């Protein structure tokens, strides 16, 4: 996968996550989906940490973008 493809896929994932609003879910829906949601969030956390660690291992820093 090219670097441009990888960044595009990461941007798509960010966009998809931005569309998730659990505050709009009913209590029952949240309880029903909690196992799957927890698994997905833990997997995302592990993968994001892996990518961030790989960047840091190369001596680079991950910084928040400066807003305009």
N, C-alpha and C. Protein backbone atom coordinates (compact mmCIF):
# COMPACT_ATOMS: atom_id res chain seq x y z
N UNK A 1 0.85 -1.17 0.00
CA UNK A 1 0.00 0.00 0.00
C UNK A 1 0.90 1.24 0.00
N UNK A 2 0.58 2.18 -0.84
CA UNK A 2 1.37 3.41 -0.90
C UNK A 2 1.09 4.27 0.31
N UNK A 3 2.00 5.21 0.57
CA UNK A 3 1.78 6.11 1.72
C UNK A 3 0.52 6.96 1.50
N UNK A 4 0.28 7.39 0.27
CA UNK A 4 -0.94 8.17 0.00
C UNK A 4 -2.20 7.35 0.27
N UNK A 5 -2.17 6.07 -0.11
CA UNK A 5 -3.30 5.18 0.16
C UNK A 5 -3.49 5.00 1.66
N UNK A 6 -2.40 4.83 2.37
CA UNK A 6 -2.48 4.63 3.82
C UNK A 6 -3.09 5.85 4.50
N UNK A 7 -2.65 7.03 4.12
CA UNK A 7 -3.18 8.26 4.72
C UNK A 7 -4.66 8.42 4.36
N UNK A 8 -5.03 8.10 3.13
CA UNK A 8 -6.43 8.19 2.72
C UNK A 8 -7.29 7.23 3.54
N UNK A 9 -6.79 6.04 3.80
CA UNK A 9 -7.54 5.07 4.59
C UNK A 9 -7.65 5.52 6.05
N UNK A 10 -6.58 6.12 6.58
CA UNK A 10 -6.64 6.65 7.94
C UNK A 10 -7.65 7.80 8.02
N UNK A 11 -7.64 8.67 7.02
CA UNK A 11 -8.60 9.78 6.98
C UNK A 11 -10.03 9.25 6.92
N UNK A 12 -10.25 8.19 6.15
CA UNK A 12 -11.58 7.60 6.06
C UNK A 12 -12.01 7.02 7.41
N UNK A 13 -11.08 6.41 8.12
CA UNK A 13 -11.39 5.86 9.44
C UNK A 13 -11.74 6.97 10.42
N UNK A 14 -10.98 8.07 10.37
CA UNK A 14 -11.28 9.22 11.23
C UNK A 14 -12.67 9.75 10.92
N UNK A 15 -12.99 9.87 9.65
CA UNK A 15 -14.31 10.36 9.25
C UNK A 15 -15.41 9.43 9.75
N UNK A 16 -15.21 8.14 9.61
CA UNK A 16 -16.21 7.17 10.07
C UNK A 16 -16.40 7.27 11.58
N UNK A 17 -15.31 7.40 12.32
CA UNK A 17 -15.42 7.51 13.77
C UNK A 17 -16.09 8.82 14.18
N UNK A 18 -15.86 9.85 13.40
CA UNK A 18 -16.50 11.13 13.69
C UNK A 18 -18.01 11.07 13.56
N UNK A 19 -18.49 10.11 12.80
CA UNK A 19 -19.94 9.95 12.61
C UNK A 19 -20.60 9.13 13.73
N UNK A 20 -19.81 8.53 14.59
CA UNK A 20 -20.35 7.71 15.67
C UNK A 20 -20.72 8.63 16.84
N UNK A 21 -21.98 8.56 17.26
CA UNK A 21 -22.46 9.37 18.37
C UNK A 21 -23.25 8.47 19.32
N UNK A 22 -22.55 7.88 20.28
CA UNK A 22 -23.22 6.95 21.18
C UNK A 22 -24.23 7.66 22.08
N UNK A 23 -24.12 8.98 22.21
CA UNK A 23 -25.10 9.70 23.02
C UNK A 23 -26.49 9.64 22.38
N UNK A 24 -26.53 9.38 21.08
CA UNK A 24 -27.81 9.27 20.38
C UNK A 24 -28.39 7.85 20.47
N UNK A 25 -27.60 6.90 20.95
CA UNK A 25 -28.07 5.52 21.06
C UNK A 25 -28.94 5.38 22.30
N UNK A 26 -29.96 4.56 22.20
CA UNK A 26 -30.77 4.27 23.38
C UNK A 26 -29.93 3.47 24.38
N UNK A 27 -30.34 3.50 25.61
CA UNK A 27 -29.63 2.74 26.65
C UNK A 27 -29.60 1.26 26.30
N UNK A 28 -30.72 0.74 25.81
CA UNK A 28 -30.78 -0.67 25.43
C UNK A 28 -29.84 -0.98 24.27
N UNK A 29 -29.81 -0.11 23.27
CA UNK A 29 -28.92 -0.32 22.12
C UNK A 29 -27.46 -0.30 22.57
N UNK A 30 -27.13 0.64 23.44
CA UNK A 30 -25.75 0.71 23.93
C UNK A 30 -25.38 -0.54 24.72
N UNK A 31 -26.28 -0.98 25.58
CA UNK A 31 -26.01 -2.20 26.36
C UNK A 31 -25.87 -3.41 25.44
N UNK A 32 -26.72 -3.49 24.40
CA UNK A 32 -26.66 -4.61 23.46
C UNK A 32 -25.36 -4.62 22.67
N UNK A 33 -24.83 -3.45 22.35
CA UNK A 33 -23.65 -3.33 21.51
C UNK A 33 -22.35 -3.13 22.31
N UNK A 34 -22.45 -3.08 23.63
CA UNK A 34 -21.29 -2.74 24.44
C UNK A 34 -20.11 -3.68 24.25
N UNK A 35 -20.36 -4.96 24.12
CA UNK A 35 -19.28 -5.92 23.90
C UNK A 35 -18.55 -5.66 22.59
N UNK A 36 -19.31 -5.48 21.53
CA UNK A 36 -18.71 -5.21 20.21
C UNK A 36 -18.02 -3.85 20.20
N UNK A 37 -18.65 -2.87 20.82
CA UNK A 37 -18.05 -1.53 20.88
C UNK A 37 -16.74 -1.56 21.65
N UNK A 38 -16.74 -2.24 22.77
CA UNK A 38 -15.52 -2.34 23.58
C UNK A 38 -14.40 -3.04 22.80
N UNK A 39 -14.74 -4.12 22.13
CA UNK A 39 -13.74 -4.85 21.34
C UNK A 39 -13.17 -3.96 20.24
N UNK A 40 -14.04 -3.22 19.55
CA UNK A 40 -13.59 -2.34 18.47
C UNK A 40 -12.70 -1.22 19.01
N UNK A 41 -13.10 -0.62 20.13
CA UNK A 41 -12.31 0.46 20.72
C UNK A 41 -10.95 -0.03 21.20
N UNK A 42 -10.92 -1.20 21.81
CA UNK A 42 -9.64 -1.77 22.27
C UNK A 42 -8.73 -2.10 21.09
N UNK A 43 -9.31 -2.65 20.02
CA UNK A 43 -8.52 -2.96 18.82
C UNK A 43 -7.97 -1.68 18.20
N UNK A 44 -8.80 -0.64 18.11
CA UNK A 44 -8.34 0.65 17.58
C UNK A 44 -7.22 1.22 18.43
N UNK A 45 -7.38 1.16 19.74
CA UNK A 45 -6.36 1.67 20.64
C UNK A 45 -5.03 0.95 20.42
N UNK A 46 -5.08 -0.37 20.31
CA UNK A 46 -3.85 -1.15 20.11
C UNK A 46 -3.19 -0.81 18.78
N UNK A 47 -3.99 -0.69 17.73
CA UNK A 47 -3.43 -0.39 16.42
C UNK A 47 -2.88 1.03 16.34
N UNK A 48 -3.60 1.99 16.91
CA UNK A 48 -3.10 3.36 16.92
C UNK A 48 -1.80 3.46 17.72
N UNK A 49 -1.73 2.74 18.83
CA UNK A 49 -0.51 2.74 19.64
C UNK A 49 0.66 2.14 18.86
N UNK A 50 0.38 1.06 18.11
CA UNK A 50 1.43 0.43 17.31
C UNK A 50 2.00 1.39 16.27
N UNK A 51 1.10 2.09 15.59
CA UNK A 51 1.55 3.04 14.56
C UNK A 51 2.31 4.19 15.21
N UNK A 52 1.77 4.73 16.30
CA UNK A 52 2.44 5.83 16.98
C UNK A 52 3.81 5.41 17.51
N UNK A 53 3.89 4.22 18.08
CA UNK A 53 5.18 3.72 18.58
C UNK A 53 6.20 3.56 17.45
N UNK A 54 5.74 3.11 16.29
CA UNK A 54 6.64 2.94 15.15
C UNK A 54 7.19 4.29 14.69
N UNK A 55 6.34 5.32 14.74
CA UNK A 55 6.80 6.67 14.38
C UNK A 55 7.84 7.15 15.39
N UNK A 56 7.53 6.97 16.68
CA UNK A 56 8.44 7.42 17.74
C UNK A 56 9.76 6.67 17.71
N UNK A 57 9.72 5.38 17.37
CA UNK A 57 10.94 4.58 17.28
C UNK A 57 11.90 5.13 16.22
N UNK A 58 11.36 5.86 15.27
CA UNK A 58 12.20 6.46 14.22
C UNK A 58 12.68 7.84 14.63
N UNK A 59 12.45 8.20 15.90
CA UNK A 59 12.93 9.46 16.44
C UNK A 59 12.09 10.67 16.11
N UNK A 60 10.85 10.43 15.67
CA UNK A 60 9.97 11.52 15.32
C UNK A 60 8.90 11.71 16.39
N UNK A 61 8.31 12.88 16.41
CA UNK A 61 7.26 13.16 17.39
C UNK A 61 5.92 13.22 16.70
N UNK A 62 4.92 12.86 17.44
CA UNK A 62 3.53 12.99 16.97
C UNK A 62 2.97 14.21 17.68
N UNK A 63 2.55 15.18 16.89
CA UNK A 63 2.06 16.43 17.46
C UNK A 63 0.65 16.71 16.95
N UNK A 64 -0.13 17.39 17.78
CA UNK A 64 -1.44 17.82 17.32
C UNK A 64 -1.29 18.93 16.30
N UNK A 65 -2.11 18.89 15.25
CA UNK A 65 -2.03 19.96 14.25
C UNK A 65 -2.40 21.30 14.88
N UNK A 66 -1.75 22.33 14.43
CA UNK A 66 -2.07 23.68 14.88
C UNK A 66 -3.25 24.18 14.08
N UNK A 67 -4.31 24.60 14.77
CA UNK A 67 -5.48 25.07 14.03
C UNK A 67 -5.22 26.47 13.48
N UNK A 68 -5.84 26.74 12.34
CA UNK A 68 -5.62 28.02 11.65
C UNK A 68 -6.29 29.17 12.33
